[in-house]
């Protein structure tokens, strides 16, 4: 039995919504079957530019509070993603390989975890004490398994599948809590 929790992110599976910032990235809604068996997983891809390709939410969170970020990810043409808090130098981060289910790099004092959710999906988690105000960020790394923060590379329109983003003021992720507004 889980304790009551709140997902602090809005539109937790609607990454095409304006609530999600998509610098040098695109999102195609309802592009794949999600872990819950519905056609609600989105396709998150880089653009053809030499920059960092990311997706983030600017929810109001507190610096100095322990949070857990989590989301479901599936490899498409790319297979390496990064979860990070804040996007600031020294921010906690973890890089995940969506082909073999491993954490390939981490830093900034966070604790990371990757769990096989079946059908090529992995739930990736990062728990850390936040140092900024940007609450949730996923970066595409152009299949480079190491490197802190936003990696600049020339994109080619490829990406990964994403579903079920969650941010909780807690030391571990609970079951997915869908949100809209």
Protein backbone atom coordinates (compact mmCIF):
# COMPACT_ATOMS: atom_id res chain seq x y z
CA UNK A 1 0.00 0.00 0.00
CA UNK A 2 1.46 3.32 -1.08
CA UNK A 3 1.15 6.56 0.80
CA UNK A 4 -0.75 9.43 -0.82
CA UNK A 5 1.42 11.33 -3.32
CA UNK A 6 1.02 14.16 -5.79
CA UNK A 7 2.48 14.38 -9.28
CA UNK A 8 3.68 17.99 -9.48
CA UNK A 9 3.86 17.98 -13.29
CA UNK A 10 0.92 18.99 -15.47
CA UNK A 11 0.07 17.21 -18.73
CA UNK A 12 2.17 14.25 -17.62
CA UNK A 13 1.67 12.34 -20.88
CA UNK A 14 0.91 15.21 -23.25
CA UNK A 15 4.36 16.50 -24.15
CA UNK A 16 3.03 18.33 -27.20
CA UNK A 17 1.14 20.65 -24.79
CA UNK A 18 2.45 24.22 -24.41
CA UNK A 19 3.16 23.48 -20.73
CA UNK A 20 6.27 21.63 -21.97
CA UNK A 21 9.20 23.62 -23.36
CA UNK A 22 10.85 21.98 -26.37
CA UNK A 23 14.01 23.90 -27.35
CA UNK A 24 15.51 22.47 -30.54
CA UNK A 25 13.15 19.50 -30.26
CA UNK A 26 9.78 18.34 -31.55
CA UNK A 27 7.05 16.18 -30.08
CA UNK A 28 4.58 14.06 -32.03
CA UNK A 29 1.55 13.16 -29.93
CA UNK A 30 0.11 9.66 -29.65
CA UNK A 31 2.83 8.05 -31.77
CA UNK A 32 3.14 4.69 -29.99
CA UNK A 33 1.47 2.28 -27.60
CA UNK A 34 2.29 3.33 -24.02
CA UNK A 35 3.06 1.01 -21.09
CA UNK A 36 -0.64 1.04 -20.13
CA UNK A 37 -1.62 -0.35 -23.56
CA UNK A 38 -3.15 2.82 -25.01
CA UNK A 39 -2.00 4.89 -28.02
CA UNK A 40 -0.83 7.80 -25.84
CA UNK A 41 2.99 7.66 -25.91
CA UNK A 42 4.64 10.63 -27.64
CA UNK A 43 7.66 10.73 -29.94
CA UNK A 44 10.35 13.18 -28.74
CA UNK A 45 12.94 14.03 -31.41
CA UNK A 46 15.82 16.41 -32.00
CA UNK A 47 15.78 19.04 -34.74
CA UNK A 48 18.44 19.56 -37.39
CA UNK A 49 20.45 22.09 -35.40
CA UNK A 50 23.74 22.13 -33.56
CA UNK A 51 22.50 22.62 -30.01
CA UNK A 52 21.10 20.86 -26.96
CA UNK A 53 17.84 19.02 -27.63
CA UNK A 54 15.62 18.93 -24.57
CA UNK A 55 12.14 18.81 -23.10
CA UNK A 56 11.37 20.44 -19.78
CA UNK A 57 8.79 21.83 -17.42
CA UNK A 58 9.25 25.02 -15.39
CA UNK A 59 7.08 24.11 -12.41
CA UNK A 60 7.66 26.05 -9.24
CA UNK A 61 9.75 23.82 -7.05
CA UNK A 62 11.91 24.58 -4.06
CA UNK A 63 15.65 24.55 -3.98
CA UNK A 64 17.00 22.33 -1.21
CA UNK A 65 14.05 19.87 -1.26
CA UNK A 66 14.44 16.19 -2.18
CA UNK A 67 12.44 15.23 -5.29
CA UNK A 68 12.11 12.16 -7.46
CA UNK A 69 11.76 12.53 -11.22
CA UNK A 70 10.52 9.57 -13.22
CA UNK A 71 9.18 8.77 -16.65
CA UNK A 72 8.72 5.92 -19.09
CA UNK A 73 11.00 5.85 -22.12
CA UNK A 74 11.47 3.58 -25.12
CA UNK A 75 14.27 3.60 -27.68
CA UNK A 76 13.43 4.52 -31.27
CA UNK A 77 16.30 5.66 -33.50
CA UNK A 78 18.10 6.98 -30.41
CA UNK A 79 18.59 5.09 -27.16
CA UNK A 80 20.35 7.39 -24.65
CA UNK A 81 18.47 9.96 -22.57
CA UNK A 82 19.34 12.09 -19.59
CA UNK A 83 17.17 13.16 -16.67
CA UNK A 84 18.29 16.24 -14.76
CA UNK A 85 17.07 18.81 -12.29
CA UNK A 86 17.33 22.49 -13.02
CA UNK A 87 19.76 22.43 -15.93
CA UNK A 88 22.31 24.36 -13.87
CA UNK A 89 26.00 23.55 -13.63
CA UNK A 90 26.38 20.92 -10.92
CA UNK A 91 22.74 19.86 -11.15
CA UNK A 92 22.04 16.20 -10.38
CA UNK A 93 21.73 14.15 -13.57
CA UNK A 94 21.69 10.56 -14.81
CA UNK A 95 22.08 9.12 -18.31
CA UNK A 96 20.10 6.00 -19.23
CA UNK A 97 20.59 3.43 -22.02
CA UNK A 98 17.17 2.38 -23.33
CA UNK A 99 18.61 -0.57 -25.26
CA UNK A 100 20.24 -2.48 -22.43
CA UNK A 101 18.54 -0.96 -19.36
CA UNK A 102 21.62 0.54 -17.72
CA UNK A 103 22.63 3.83 -16.14
CA UNK A 104 25.65 4.95 -18.18
CA UNK A 105 26.68 8.11 -16.32
CA UNK A 106 25.54 10.22 -13.37
CA UNK A 107 26.66 13.11 -11.23
CA UNK A 108 25.67 15.94 -8.97
CA UNK A 109 24.72 13.75 -6.04
CA UNK A 110 21.59 12.09 -7.42
CA UNK A 111 20.49 8.48 -7.05
CA UNK A 112 19.30 6.86 -10.28
CA UNK A 113 17.34 3.73 -11.13
CA UNK A 114 16.10 2.09 -14.34
CA UNK A 115 13.40 -0.59 -14.36
CA UNK A 116 12.29 -2.73 -17.30
CA UNK A 117 8.54 -2.14 -17.80
CA UNK A 118 8.11 -4.57 -20.72
CA UNK A 119 7.71 -4.17 -24.49
CA UNK A 120 10.92 -2.10 -24.73
CA UNK A 121 9.78 0.46 -22.13
CA UNK A 122 11.92 1.49 -19.15
CA UNK A 123 10.96 3.59 -16.16
CA UNK A 124 13.88 5.89 -15.42
CA UNK A 125 14.17 7.64 -12.06
CA UNK A 126 16.39 10.28 -10.52
CA UNK A 127 16.17 11.26 -6.86
CA UNK A 128 18.12 14.26 -5.59
CA UNK A 129 17.99 17.49 -3.69
CA UNK A 130 17.05 20.14 -6.23
CA UNK A 131 19.35 23.14 -6.61
CA UNK A 132 17.30 25.18 -9.10
CA UNK A 133 13.72 25.99 -10.06
CA UNK A 134 13.37 24.03 -13.32
CA UNK A 135 11.71 20.91 -12.12
CA UNK A 136 12.05 18.27 -14.81
CA UNK A 137 14.22 17.98 -17.85
CA UNK A 138 14.97 15.19 -20.31
CA UNK A 139 17.83 15.64 -22.75
CA UNK A 140 18.59 13.71 -25.91
CA UNK A 141 22.31 12.96 -26.07
CA UNK A 142 22.69 11.78 -29.64
CA UNK A 143 23.51 8.30 -28.30
CA UNK A 144 26.55 9.52 -26.35
CA UNK A 145 26.27 7.62 -23.04
CA UNK A 146 28.34 10.06 -20.96
CA UNK A 147 28.26 13.78 -20.38
CA UNK A 148 26.71 16.19 -17.95
CA UNK A 149 23.77 18.45 -18.72
CA UNK A 150 22.78 19.66 -22.15
CA UNK A 151 25.01 18.20 -24.86
CA UNK A 152 25.21 20.15 -28.10
CA UNK A 153 25.20 17.97 -31.22
CA UNK A 154 23.84 18.25 -34.75
CA UNK A 155 20.41 16.64 -34.72
CA UNK A 156 18.89 14.64 -37.55
CA UNK A 157 15.21 14.48 -36.62
CA UNK A 158 15.47 11.24 -34.64
CA UNK A 159 14.49 10.49 -31.06
CA UNK A 160 12.78 8.28 -28.49
CA UNK A 161 9.28 7.56 -27.14
CA UNK A 162 8.14 9.10 -23.87
CA UNK A 163 5.15 8.68 -21.55
CA UNK A 164 4.17 9.14 -17.91
CA UNK A 165 6.33 11.95 -16.52
CA UNK A 166 6.23 12.36 -12.77
CA UNK A 167 7.77 14.67 -10.18
CA UNK A 168 7.23 14.00 -6.48
CA UNK A 169 8.53 15.58 -3.30
CA UNK A 170 9.77 12.21 -2.07
CA UNK A 171 12.81 9.95 -1.83
CA UNK A 172 11.47 7.37 -4.33
CA UNK A 173 8.93 7.15 -7.14
CA UNK A 174 5.42 5.92 -6.48
CA UNK A 175 3.10 4.36 -9.05
CA UNK A 176 2.41 6.65 -11.99
CA UNK A 177 -0.12 9.41 -11.25
CA UNK A 178 -1.56 10.83 -14.52
CA UNK A 179 -2.25 14.57 -14.64
CA UNK A 180 -3.77 17.12 -16.99
CA UNK A 181 -4.12 20.73 -15.85
